[in-house]
C-alpha cells in the first residue's frame, strides 16, 4: 500500500513520523493509501529548510518570482487531468468538479504572476524642503497554511502562491483525508524552478497543527476550516505573536423572491446545494422562499433534486459523488433525522441512498427538507453535506432578518428580477460575499475572499490584495540628501513640514 510522505527541503521524506492515517476511496469505501502523520521534529525540519531558503528567496528578484509562477501555471495546465483524477479518487467529488477547483486555484497563480505590479510602493516628493517619503513592502519570513479536505488544491492556492510570490517561504499542512495532490504541487513547483525549501508539505493531524502554532520561527499562519478550530488557531497563534488568517464555517442562505424565475433559481440552488455533495464552504444550505414563491419553489426543487445523477467521481455521467468519509455520512444523515424529528418536512430523503456496484461507498443522496426553522439542529448546524433546507419568510424584511440573525456570514444570494430589491439586499445583509442571481459568489483572485461574523475570526481575508498585505509588511522611508557644504541645523521640537 502506498505511503504518502512529507516534502521537505525539495525531497520526499518519512522524517521522524511513525504514525500513519488511512486515505480512502470514498466511492468504494476502501482504504487505498496511508499518509504519514508528522511529529514535532518533522515540523522543525520543515521550518529549518524554509528558514534557510528564506535567506536567499527573500532577496530574490521580482522577475525570478514571476517566472516561477508563470511556469507553475503552465505545468498546472499540462497536468490538469492527472490532478483532477487524483483529487476525485481521494475526495470523492466528480472529476469535472475537481477540474473546476484546479482552474480557480490556478487563477490565484495568475494573479501572483503579476506580483511586480501588485507590490509597487508609493512615493511623495518634497513633503518638506529637500525631504521625500516613500514606502515599500517586504516579506515576513516562514509562513504556514493549514487547509481543509473540501478543496485540496484550491484553498491551499489561496495561500502559498501569494506568500511565495511576495518573497516568503511556506509550509503547507493539508488535510490528511486527501493529501496526495499537495505533494504533486510540490513537484510542480520544483519543476518550475522554485528553490529547495521554499515550499514544503508536512502531513499530519493536531500534533502537526500545534507544532506549527507553537514554532517561534513561523511568522504567519493561514487557516480555513470550521469555526471552533478557526477560533482555536487564531487564539493560539496570536498568543504566540503570529499573524493569522482564520476562516471559519458557514450557513449560506439564498432568498428567492416571488418575481424570480423559479426554474432558473431552482436550477442554480440545486447545483449550489448538491455540487461536491454539499462539501463547500460556499454551498447554499438554506433556501429562503419569500411569500407566494414557497410552494412553487419547493415543487421545482423536488423535481431537480430527484434528477441529480449520483455516482462515483470517475464516472463521466455522475453529477454528484460521495461524501469524504463514513463518519461524515453518518453525521449528515443524523442531522437529517434530527430535523425531521423536530418538524421539518422531508421532500426528498437521501439517507438510504445506494449506488449500484458501490454499496460500501460513502454516499448520501440529495436531500430536501421544507419548513425548516431556526430552532432545528438541521438549521443551526453546519451540515456540510447534500442537504438543502427550505425556510419560509413572509417578505424581504423577514428574510433579511433571518440571515442577519444567523451567527455565520460567509456567503449569501438573492434571486429576483428587481434591481431595487437586490440593491437593498446587498446593502442591508450582514454577510461578506453576496451574489445577485449568482448562488456561489466566490470572488475572483484579484478580489479577496472572506466572510463576516463567525465565518472570519479576526480581520484578515484571504488571497487578492488582502492576501498580499497579509504576507508582507510595510516600510516607510523619509529621506533628505543635503549638499555636503550646506549646514542644516537639527531641531529639538517635533518635526513639521515647512
Protein backbone atom coordinates (compact mmCIF):
# COMPACT_ATOMS: atom_id res chain seq x y z
CA UNK A 1 0.00 0.00 0.00
CA UNK A 2 1.31 3.45 -0.93
CA UNK A 3 2.54 5.63 1.93
CA UNK A 4 2.26 9.37 1.31
CA UNK A 5 5.40 11.08 2.60
CA UNK A 6 6.29 14.65 3.54
CA UNK A 7 8.05 17.03 1.11
CA UNK A 8 10.77 18.92 2.97
CA UNK A 9 13.72 20.80 1.51
CA UNK A 10 12.97 19.71 -2.05
CA UNK A 11 12.64 15.94 -1.46
CA UNK A 12 10.23 13.34 -0.16
CA UNK A 13 11.00 12.07 3.34
CA UNK A 14 9.50 9.96 6.10
CA UNK A 15 11.27 12.12 8.65
CA UNK A 16 10.55 11.23 12.26
CA UNK A 17 6.99 10.09 11.56
CA UNK A 18 5.97 6.74 12.99
CA UNK A 19 2.21 7.17 12.86
CA UNK A 20 0.04 6.94 9.72
CA UNK A 21 -3.57 7.63 8.82
CA UNK A 22 -5.91 5.99 6.31
CA UNK A 23 -6.77 7.59 2.96
CA UNK A 24 -9.96 6.16 1.46
CA UNK A 25 -11.61 6.00 -1.92
CA UNK A 26 -14.99 7.41 -0.80
CA UNK A 27 -16.85 5.84 -3.72
CA UNK A 28 -15.88 2.30 -2.73
CA UNK A 29 -15.19 2.73 0.99
CA UNK A 30 -11.80 1.09 0.51
CA UNK A 31 -8.63 2.19 2.21
CA UNK A 32 -6.23 2.86 -0.66
CA UNK A 33 -3.23 4.64 0.90
CA UNK A 34 -1.60 5.56 4.18
CA UNK A 35 -0.40 9.06 4.97
CA UNK A 36 2.36 9.91 7.41
CA UNK A 37 1.30 11.91 10.45
CA UNK A 38 4.04 14.35 11.41
CA UNK A 39 5.74 14.58 14.74
CA UNK A 40 7.09 17.82 16.17
CA UNK A 41 10.52 17.01 14.72
CA UNK A 42 9.10 16.91 11.20
CA UNK A 43 7.71 20.43 11.57
CA UNK A 44 11.08 21.51 12.97
CA UNK A 45 12.80 20.08 9.89
CA UNK A 46 10.41 21.88 7.55
CA UNK A 47 10.91 25.17 9.38
CA UNK A 48 14.68 24.74 9.24
CA UNK A 49 14.52 24.14 5.48
CA UNK A 50 12.17 27.08 4.96
CA UNK A 51 14.28 29.39 7.14
CA UNK A 52 17.43 28.51 5.21
CA UNK A 53 15.67 29.04 1.88
CA UNK A 54 14.33 32.43 3.01
CA UNK A 55 17.87 33.75 3.30
CA UNK A 56 18.06 33.87 -0.49
CA UNK A 57 14.42 33.70 -1.63
CA UNK A 58 13.51 36.74 0.48
CA UNK A 59 16.03 38.74 -1.58
CA UNK A 60 15.10 37.19 -4.94
CA UNK A 61 14.10 39.49 -7.76
CA UNK A 62 10.51 40.11 -8.70
CA UNK A 63 11.41 38.81 -12.14
CA UNK A 64 12.58 35.48 -10.71
CA UNK A 65 9.43 35.05 -8.65
CA UNK A 66 7.19 35.89 -11.61
CA UNK A 67 9.00 33.40 -13.84
CA UNK A 68 8.37 30.61 -11.33
CA UNK A 69 4.67 31.50 -11.17
CA UNK A 70 4.32 31.65 -14.96
CA UNK A 71 5.94 28.23 -15.29
CA UNK A 72 3.84 26.76 -12.47
CA UNK A 73 0.74 27.99 -14.21
CA UNK A 74 1.71 26.23 -17.44
CA UNK A 75 2.56 23.00 -15.62
CA UNK A 76 -0.85 23.07 -13.93
CA UNK A 77 -2.49 23.29 -17.35
CA UNK A 78 -0.41 20.38 -18.62
CA UNK A 79 -1.18 18.17 -15.60
CA UNK A 80 -4.81 19.20 -15.10
CA UNK A 81 -6.34 15.82 -15.95
CA UNK A 82 -3.95 13.99 -13.64
CA UNK A 83 -4.65 16.37 -10.77
CA UNK A 84 -8.43 16.21 -11.26
CA UNK A 85 -8.48 12.41 -11.18
CA UNK A 86 -6.20 12.35 -8.13
CA UNK A 87 -8.48 14.75 -6.23
CA UNK A 88 -11.59 12.78 -7.21
CA UNK A 89 -10.07 9.49 -6.05
CA UNK A 90 -9.44 10.78 -2.51
CA UNK A 91 -12.15 13.41 -2.02
CA UNK A 92 -14.98 11.76 -3.93
CA UNK A 93 -16.07 14.78 -5.98
CA UNK A 94 -16.66 14.22 -9.67
CA UNK A 95 -13.68 14.80 -11.95
CA UNK A 96 -15.19 17.85 -13.65
CA UNK A 97 -15.85 19.45 -10.27
CA UNK A 98 -12.23 18.78 -9.32
CA UNK A 99 -11.17 20.38 -12.58
CA UNK A 100 -13.16 23.46 -11.63
CA UNK A 101 -11.31 23.89 -8.34
CA UNK A 102 -7.98 23.45 -10.15
CA UNK A 103 -8.90 26.28 -12.51
CA UNK A 104 -9.95 28.55 -9.64
CA UNK A 105 -6.72 27.77 -7.82
CA UNK A 106 -4.75 28.47 -10.98
CA UNK A 107 -6.34 31.92 -11.16
CA UNK A 108 -4.53 32.83 -7.93
CA UNK A 109 -1.26 31.73 -9.54
CA UNK A 110 -2.13 34.00 -12.47
CA UNK A 111 -2.66 36.88 -10.05
CA UNK A 112 0.72 36.07 -8.49
CA UNK A 113 2.32 36.24 -11.95
CA UNK A 114 1.71 40.00 -11.79
CA UNK A 115 3.28 40.40 -8.37
CA UNK A 116 5.73 43.05 -9.64
CA UNK A 117 2.84 45.42 -10.28
CA UNK A 118 0.95 44.48 -7.11
CA UNK A 119 3.97 45.18 -4.89
CA UNK A 120 4.58 48.69 -6.19
CA UNK A 121 5.03 51.15 -3.35
CA UNK A 122 4.28 54.88 -3.28
CA UNK A 123 6.45 57.98 -3.39
CA UNK A 124 5.80 61.53 -2.22
CA UNK A 125 8.21 64.15 -3.48
CA UNK A 126 9.11 67.28 -1.49
CA UNK A 127 6.98 66.66 1.59
CA UNK A 128 9.18 69.26 3.19
CA UNK A 129 12.08 71.26 1.73
CA UNK A 130 14.52 68.68 0.39
CA UNK A 131 12.64 65.81 2.03
CA UNK A 132 10.94 62.90 0.23
CA UNK A 133 8.92 59.96 1.58
CA UNK A 134 8.39 56.55 0.02
CA UNK A 135 7.24 53.12 1.16
CA UNK A 136 7.58 49.51 0.10
CA UNK A 137 6.60 46.09 1.38
CA UNK A 138 8.81 43.20 2.44
CA UNK A 139 8.11 39.50 3.14
CA UNK A 140 7.60 38.17 6.66
CA UNK A 141 9.74 35.01 6.52
CA UNK A 142 8.42 31.48 7.08
CA UNK A 143 4.64 31.21 6.67
CA UNK A 144 2.33 28.21 7.10
CA UNK A 145 -1.05 27.10 5.81
CA UNK A 146 -3.46 24.64 7.45
CA UNK A 147 -6.14 23.63 4.96
CA UNK A 148 -9.35 21.54 4.82
CA UNK A 149 -10.31 18.47 2.81
CA UNK A 150 -13.07 20.01 0.73
CA UNK A 151 -10.81 21.87 -1.74
CA UNK A 152 -7.44 20.10 -1.56
CA UNK A 153 -5.86 22.22 -4.28
CA UNK A 154 -7.86 25.46 -4.45
CA UNK A 155 -7.79 26.51 -0.80
CA UNK A 156 -4.03 25.96 -0.40
CA UNK A 157 -3.61 28.02 -3.56
CA UNK A 158 -5.43 30.87 -1.90
CA UNK A 159 -2.32 30.95 0.30
CA UNK A 160 1.02 29.69 -0.98
CA UNK A 161 1.28 31.37 -4.44
CA UNK A 162 0.74 34.79 -2.84
CA UNK A 163 3.07 34.03 0.08
CA UNK A 164 5.85 32.74 -2.19
CA UNK A 165 5.46 35.45 -4.84
CA UNK A 166 5.82 38.12 -2.15
CA UNK A 167 9.13 36.56 -1.08
CA UNK A 168 8.18 34.28 1.80
CA UNK A 169 8.81 30.57 2.23
CA UNK A 170 5.91 28.28 3.01
CA UNK A 171 4.92 25.13 4.91
CA UNK A 172 1.62 23.51 3.94
CA UNK A 173 -0.22 21.18 6.31
CA UNK A 174 -3.02 19.82 4.08
CA UNK A 175 -5.93 17.68 5.18
CA UNK A 176 -4.88 14.12 5.90
CA UNK A 177 -8.05 12.92 4.16
CA UNK A 178 -6.97 13.85 0.61
CA UNK A 179 -3.29 14.75 0.80
CA UNK A 180 -1.76 13.48 -2.45
CA UNK A 181 -2.35 16.48 -4.71
CA UNK A 182 -0.34 18.71 -2.34
CA UNK A 183 2.72 16.54 -2.99
CA UNK A 184 2.11 16.80 -6.72
CA UNK A 185 2.03 20.60 -6.45
CA UNK A 186 5.35 20.44 -4.59
CA UNK A 187 6.86 18.52 -7.51
CA UNK A 188 5.45 21.05 -9.99
CA UNK A 189 6.98 23.92 -8.01
CA UNK A 190 10.35 22.17 -8.19
CA UNK A 191 9.96 21.66 -11.93
CA UNK A 192 9.02 25.33 -12.27
CA UNK A 193 12.37 26.31 -10.79
CA UNK A 194 11.42 27.11 -7.20
CA UNK A 195 14.49 26.64 -4.98
CA UNK A 196 14.51 23.77 -2.49
CA UNK A 197 12.95 24.63 0.86
CA UNK A 198 10.76 27.48 -0.35
CA UNK A 199 7.68 25.22 -0.45
CA UNK A 200 7.30 22.31 1.97
CA UNK A 201 4.48 19.87 2.71
CA UNK A 202 4.06 18.34 6.16
CA UNK A 203 1.19 15.88 6.54
CA UNK A 204 -0.45 15.26 9.87
CA UNK A 205 -3.13 15.82 12.44
CA UNK A 206 -3.46 18.02 15.54
CA UNK A 207 0.12 17.28 16.60
CA UNK A 208 1.41 18.90 13.41
CA UNK A 209 -1.01 21.81 13.76
CA UNK A 210 0.11 22.57 17.32
CA UNK A 211 3.76 22.31 16.33
CA UNK A 212 3.13 24.95 13.64
CA UNK A 213 1.23 27.23 16.01
CA UNK A 214 3.94 27.00 18.67
CA UNK A 215 7.01 27.33 16.47
CA UNK A 216 8.80 30.61 17.11
CA UNK A 217 10.22 30.89 13.58
CA UNK A 218 6.84 30.78 11.80
CA UNK A 219 5.71 34.35 11.27
CA UNK A 220 2.20 33.84 9.90
CA UNK A 221 -0.47 31.13 9.76
CA UNK A 222 -3.38 30.87 7.32
CA UNK A 223 -6.29 28.57 8.09
CA UNK A 224 -9.59 27.54 6.50
CA UNK A 225 -11.92 25.15 8.30
CA UNK A 226 -14.63 25.00 10.94
CA UNK A 227 -15.34 27.95 13.23
CA UNK A 228 -14.35 26.21 16.50
CA UNK A 229 -10.96 25.29 15.04
CA UNK A 230 -10.57 28.73 13.47
CA UNK A 231 -11.05 30.28 16.92
CA UNK A 232 -8.51 27.87 18.38
CA UNK A 233 -5.98 28.64 15.62
CA UNK A 234 -6.47 32.38 15.97
CA UNK A 235 -6.18 32.40 19.75
CA UNK A 236 -3.14 30.13 19.96
CA UNK A 237 -1.22 31.66 17.04
CA UNK A 238 -1.82 35.28 18.02
CA UNK A 239 -0.80 34.45 21.59
CA UNK A 240 2.50 33.30 20.08
CA UNK A 241 2.93 36.58 18.19
CA UNK A 242 1.96 35.38 14.72
CA UNK A 243 -0.18 36.97 12.06
CA UNK A 244 -3.29 34.88 11.46
CA UNK A 245 -5.85 34.40 8.72
CA UNK A 246 -8.61 32.21 10.18
CA UNK A 247 -11.64 31.49 8.01
CA UNK A 248 -14.39 29.51 9.71
CA UNK A 249 -17.65 27.80 8.88
CA UNK A 250 -20.76 28.86 7.03
CA UNK A 251 -24.51 28.55 6.79
CA UNK A 252 -25.17 30.20 3.46
CA UNK A 253 -28.68 31.39 2.64
CA UNK A 254 -30.24 32.23 -0.72
CA UNK A 255 -33.54 34.08 -0.77
CA UNK A 256 -35.94 33.64 -3.65
CA UNK A 257 -38.48 36.39 -4.27
CA UNK A 258 -41.83 35.80 -5.99
CA UNK A 259 -40.65 37.82 -9.02
CA UNK A 260 -37.71 35.47 -9.64
CA UNK A 261 -37.60 32.99 -12.48
CA UNK A 262 -38.23 29.89 -10.38
CA UNK A 263 -36.78 27.43 -12.91
CA UNK A 264 -33.58 29.49 -13.06
CA UNK A 265 -33.40 29.89 -9.29
CA UNK A 266 -34.12 26.23 -8.54
CA UNK A 267 -31.60 25.06 -11.12
CA UNK A 268 -28.84 27.13 -9.53
CA UNK A 269 -29.89 26.33 -5.97
CA UNK A 270 -29.76 22.63 -6.79
CA UNK A 271 -26.26 22.89 -8.19
CA UNK A 272 -25.11 25.09 -5.31
CA UNK A 273 -26.56 22.78 -2.66
CA UNK A 274 -25.59 19.39 -4.09
CA UNK A 275 -22.43 20.11 -6.09
CA UNK A 276 -19.43 18.41 -4.45
CA UNK A 277 -22.03 16.67 -2.23
CA UNK A 278 -22.55 19.97 -0.41
CA UNK A 279 -18.98 19.92 0.94
CA UNK A 280 -18.23 23.53 0.08
CA UNK A 281 -17.84 26.47 2.42
CA UNK A 282 -19.83 28.49 -0.13
CA UNK A 283 -22.55 25.88 -0.71
CA UNK A 284 -26.12 27.09 -0.35
CA UNK A 285 -27.56 25.13 2.55
CA UNK A 286 -30.68 27.23 3.23
CA UNK A 287 -33.13 28.42 0.61
CA UNK A 288 -35.45 31.13 1.93
CA UNK A 289 -38.69 31.13 -0.01
CA UNK A 290 -40.35 34.53 0.26
CA UNK A 291 -44.14 34.87 0.24
CA UNK A 292 -46.01 33.13 -2.54
CA UNK A 293 -42.77 31.72 -4.02
CA UNK A 294 -42.75 28.98 -1.36
CA UNK A 295 -44.79 26.03 -2.57
CA UNK A 296 -43.96 26.57 -6.24
CA UNK A 297 -40.23 26.76 -5.50
CA UNK A 298 -40.26 23.57 -3.43
CA UNK A 299 -42.07 21.74 -6.21
CA UNK A 300 -39.37 22.66 -8.74
CA UNK A 301 -36.57 21.92 -6.25
CA UNK A 302 -38.03 18.47 -5.61
CA UNK A 303 -38.02 17.64 -9.30
CA UNK A 304 -34.47 18.85 -9.80
CA UNK A 305 -33.12 17.08 -6.69
CA UNK A 306 -34.57 13.79 -7.94
CA UNK A 307 -32.86 14.32 -11.30
CA UNK A 308 -29.34 14.64 -9.87
CA UNK A 309 -27.15 11.77 -11.07
CA UNK A 310 -25.22 10.36 -8.10
CA UNK A 311 -22.28 8.04 -8.59
CA UNK A 312 -18.53 7.59 -8.30
CA UNK A 313 -16.46 10.63 -9.14
CA UNK A 314 -14.66 8.95 -12.03
CA UNK A 315 -17.91 8.17 -13.86
CA UNK A 316 -18.45 10.87 -16.54
CA UNK A 317 -22.21 10.55 -16.03
CA UNK A 318 -22.04 11.43 -12.33
CA UNK A 319 -23.06 14.91 -11.26
CA UNK A 320 -22.51 14.31 -7.54
CA UNK A 321 -20.18 11.90 -5.77
CA UNK A 322 -19.98 10.54 -2.22
CA UNK A 323 -19.04 12.43 0.92
CA UNK A 324 -15.48 12.12 2.12
CA UNK A 325 -15.74 9.60 4.98
CA UNK A 326 -18.16 7.20 6.64
CA UNK A 327 -18.16 9.47 9.71
CA UNK A 328 -19.24 12.41 7.55
CA UNK A 329 -22.03 10.32 6.04
CA UNK A 330 -23.31 9.30 9.47
CA UNK A 331 -23.16 12.85 10.84
CA UNK A 332 -25.10 14.22 7.83
CA UNK A 333 -27.83 11.57 7.97
CA UNK A 334 -28.08 12.07 11.73
CA UNK A 335 -28.80 15.78 11.28
CA UNK A 336 -31.44 14.99 8.65
CA UNK A 337 -33.08 12.55 11.06
CA UNK A 338 -32.99 15.17 13.79
CA UNK A 339 -34.52 17.80 11.50
CA UNK A 340 -37.42 15.54 10.58
CA UNK A 341 -37.98 14.66 14.23
CA UNK A 342 -38.08 18.36 15.08
CA UNK A 343 -40.77 19.11 12.49
CA UNK A 344 -39.11 19.57 9.09
CA UNK A 345 -40.93 18.06 6.11
CA UNK A 346 -38.83 15.51 4.16
CA UNK A 347 -39.49 16.30 0.50
CA UNK A 348 -36.56 14.27 -0.86
CA UNK A 349 -34.81 11.88 1.52
CA UNK A 350 -31.29 10.75 0.65
CA UNK A 351 -30.37 8.97 3.87
CA UNK A 352 -30.54 5.44 2.48
CA UNK A 353 -29.16 6.22 -0.95
CA UNK A 354 -27.24 3.35 -2.57
CA UNK A 355 -25.22 3.33 -5.79
CA UNK A 356 -25.25 0.02 -7.63
CA UNK A 357 -21.83 -1.60 -7.52
CA UNK A 358 -20.67 0.86 -4.85
CA UNK A 359 -22.82 -0.18 -1.91
CA UNK A 360 -19.93 0.30 0.54
CA UNK A 361 -19.29 3.85 -0.67
CA UNK A 362 -19.93 6.90 1.49
CA UNK A 363 -22.98 8.11 -0.39
CA UNK A 364 -25.77 10.40 0.77
CA UNK A 365 -28.40 11.26 -1.79
CA UNK A 366 -29.68 14.79 -2.46
CA UNK A 367 -31.94 15.71 0.43
CA UNK A 368 -34.57 18.44 0.51
CA UNK A 369 -36.21 19.50 3.78
CA UNK A 370 -39.09 22.00 3.83
CA UNK A 371 -40.46 24.15 6.66
CA UNK A 372 -37.12 24.27 8.45
CA UNK A 373 -36.95 26.78 11.31
CA UNK A 374 -34.00 28.36 13.16
CA UNK A 375 -34.67 26.23 16.26
CA UNK A 376 -33.90 22.96 14.46
CA UNK A 377 -30.49 21.27 14.54
CA UNK A 378 -30.62 20.95 10.75
CA UNK A 379 -30.65 24.75 10.60
CA UNK A 380 -28.26 25.56 13.43
CA UNK A 381 -25.52 23.07 12.49
CA UNK A 382 -23.19 23.35 9.52
CA UNK A 383 -24.29 20.10 7.85
CA UNK A 384 -21.61 20.15 5.13
CA UNK A 385 -23.44 17.61 3.04
CA UNK A 386 -26.01 17.37 0.20
CA UNK A 387 -28.88 18.79 2.23
CA UNK A 388 -30.92 21.83 1.20
CA UNK A 389 -33.17 23.22 3.91
CA UNK A 390 -36.05 25.46 2.85
CA UNK A 391 -37.22 28.11 5.28
CA UNK A 392 -40.24 30.33 4.70
CA UNK A 393 -40.37 34.13 5.05
CA UNK A 394 -43.38 36.38 4.62
CA UNK A 395 -41.43 39.21 2.98
CA UNK A 396 -37.97 40.58 2.23
CA UNK A 397 -37.69 42.15 5.69
CA UNK A 398 -38.19 38.80 7.38
CA UNK A 399 -35.76 37.06 5.01
CA UNK A 400 -33.01 39.62 5.64
CA UNK A 401 -33.63 39.44 9.40
CA UNK A 402 -33.32 35.64 9.27
CA UNK A 403 -29.92 35.85 7.57
CA UNK A 404 -28.67 38.61 9.85
CA UNK A 405 -29.63 36.65 12.97
CA UNK A 406 -27.53 33.69 11.90
CA UNK A 407 -24.09 33.55 13.55
CA UNK A 408 -22.39 32.86 10.22
CA UNK A 409 -21.84 35.43 7.49
CA UNK A 410 -19.81 33.80 4.74
CA UNK A 411 -21.87 33.98 1.54
CA UNK A 412 -25.45 34.69 0.54
CA UNK A 413 -27.53 35.23 -2.58
CA UNK A 414 -30.77 36.72 -3.78
CA UNK A 415 -32.81 35.59 -6.76
CA UNK A 416 -35.00 38.35 -8.10
CA UNK A 417 -35.77 40.44 -11.18
CA UNK A 418 -35.98 43.61 -9.07
CA UNK A 419 -32.91 45.83 -9.04
CA UNK A 420 -34.35 47.75 -6.10
CA UNK A 421 -34.75 44.58 -4.03
CA UNK A 422 -31.26 43.39 -4.95
CA UNK A 423 -29.68 46.71 -4.05
CA UNK A 424 -31.48 46.81 -0.72
CA UNK A 425 -30.44 43.22 0.00
CA UNK A 426 -26.76 43.79 -0.74
CA UNK A 427 -26.68 46.87 1.48
CA UNK A 428 -28.61 45.51 4.46
CA UNK A 429 -27.50 41.90 4.72
CA UNK A 430 -24.64 41.27 7.17
CA UNK A 431 -22.61 38.87 5.06
CA UNK A 432 -19.18 39.25 3.48
CA UNK A 433 -19.81 37.85 -0.03
CA UNK A 434 -23.08 38.43 -1.87
CA UNK A 435 -24.49 37.07 -5.11
CA UNK A 436 -27.29 38.62 -7.12
CA UNK A 437 -28.77 35.77 -9.17
CA UNK A 438 -25.37 34.09 -8.54
CA UNK A 439 -25.64 31.34 -5.89
CA UNK A 440 -21.93 30.84 -5.10
CA UNK A 441 -20.36 34.32 -5.14
CA UNK A 442 -16.69 33.31 -4.78
CA UNK A 443 -14.64 36.39 -5.73
CA UNK A 444 -12.05 36.27 -8.49
CA UNK A 445 -8.40 36.08 -7.47
CA UNK A 446 -7.89 39.84 -7.74
CA UNK A 447 -10.52 40.40 -5.06
CA UNK A 448 -10.25 38.95 -1.56
CA UNK A 449 -12.27 36.10 -0.05
CA UNK A 450 -13.70 36.42 3.44
CA UNK A 451 -16.95 36.42 5.35
CA UNK A 452 -18.28 38.23 8.40
CA UNK A 453 -19.23 37.18 11.93
CA UNK A 454 -18.27 33.60 12.85
CA UNK A 455 -17.13 32.90 9.29
CA UNK A 456 -14.00 35.03 9.72
CA UNK A 457 -12.13 35.11 13.00
CA UNK A 458 -10.05 38.25 13.20
CA UNK A 459 -9.93 40.69 10.31
CA UNK A 460 -7.74 39.14 7.60
CA UNK A 461 -9.47 37.87 4.42
CA UNK A 462 -7.56 35.67 2.03
CA UNK A 463 -5.92 35.99 -1.42
CA UNK A 464 -6.11 39.06 -3.66
CA UNK A 465 -4.95 42.44 -2.31
CA UNK A 466 -5.67 41.45 1.30
CA UNK A 467 -3.50 38.38 0.85
CA UNK A 468 -0.60 40.48 -0.39
CA UNK A 469 -0.93 42.76 2.61
CA UNK A 470 -1.13 39.79 4.96
CA UNK A 471 2.10 38.20 3.73
CA UNK A 472 4.09 41.45 3.70
CA UNK A 473 4.78 44.39 5.99
CA UNK A 474 5.38 47.99 5.07
CA UNK A 475 8.44 50.15 5.49
CA UNK A 476 8.16 53.91 5.16
CA UNK A 477 11.34 55.84 4.47
CA UNK A 478 11.84 59.58 4.92
CA UNK A 479 14.94 60.91 3.14
CA UNK A 480 16.95 64.08 2.99
CA UNK A 481 20.13 64.46 0.95
CA UNK A 482 21.78 67.74 1.95
CA UNK A 483 24.74 69.03 0.00
CA UNK A 484 28.00 68.46 1.81
CA UNK A 485 28.77 72.18 2.13
CA UNK A 486 25.28 73.03 3.33
CA UNK A 487 24.75 73.38 7.07
CA UNK A 488 21.39 72.09 8.30
CA UNK A 489 20.62 72.76 11.93
CA UNK A 490 18.91 69.98 13.83
CA UNK A 491 15.73 70.92 15.70
CA UNK A 492 14.68 69.59 19.10
CA UNK A 493 10.96 70.17 18.55
CA UNK A 494 8.74 67.58 16.82
CA UNK A 495 9.45 67.73 13.06
CA UNK A 496 6.88 69.52 10.89
CA UNK A 497 6.76 70.40 7.21
CA UNK A 498 7.90 73.87 6.24
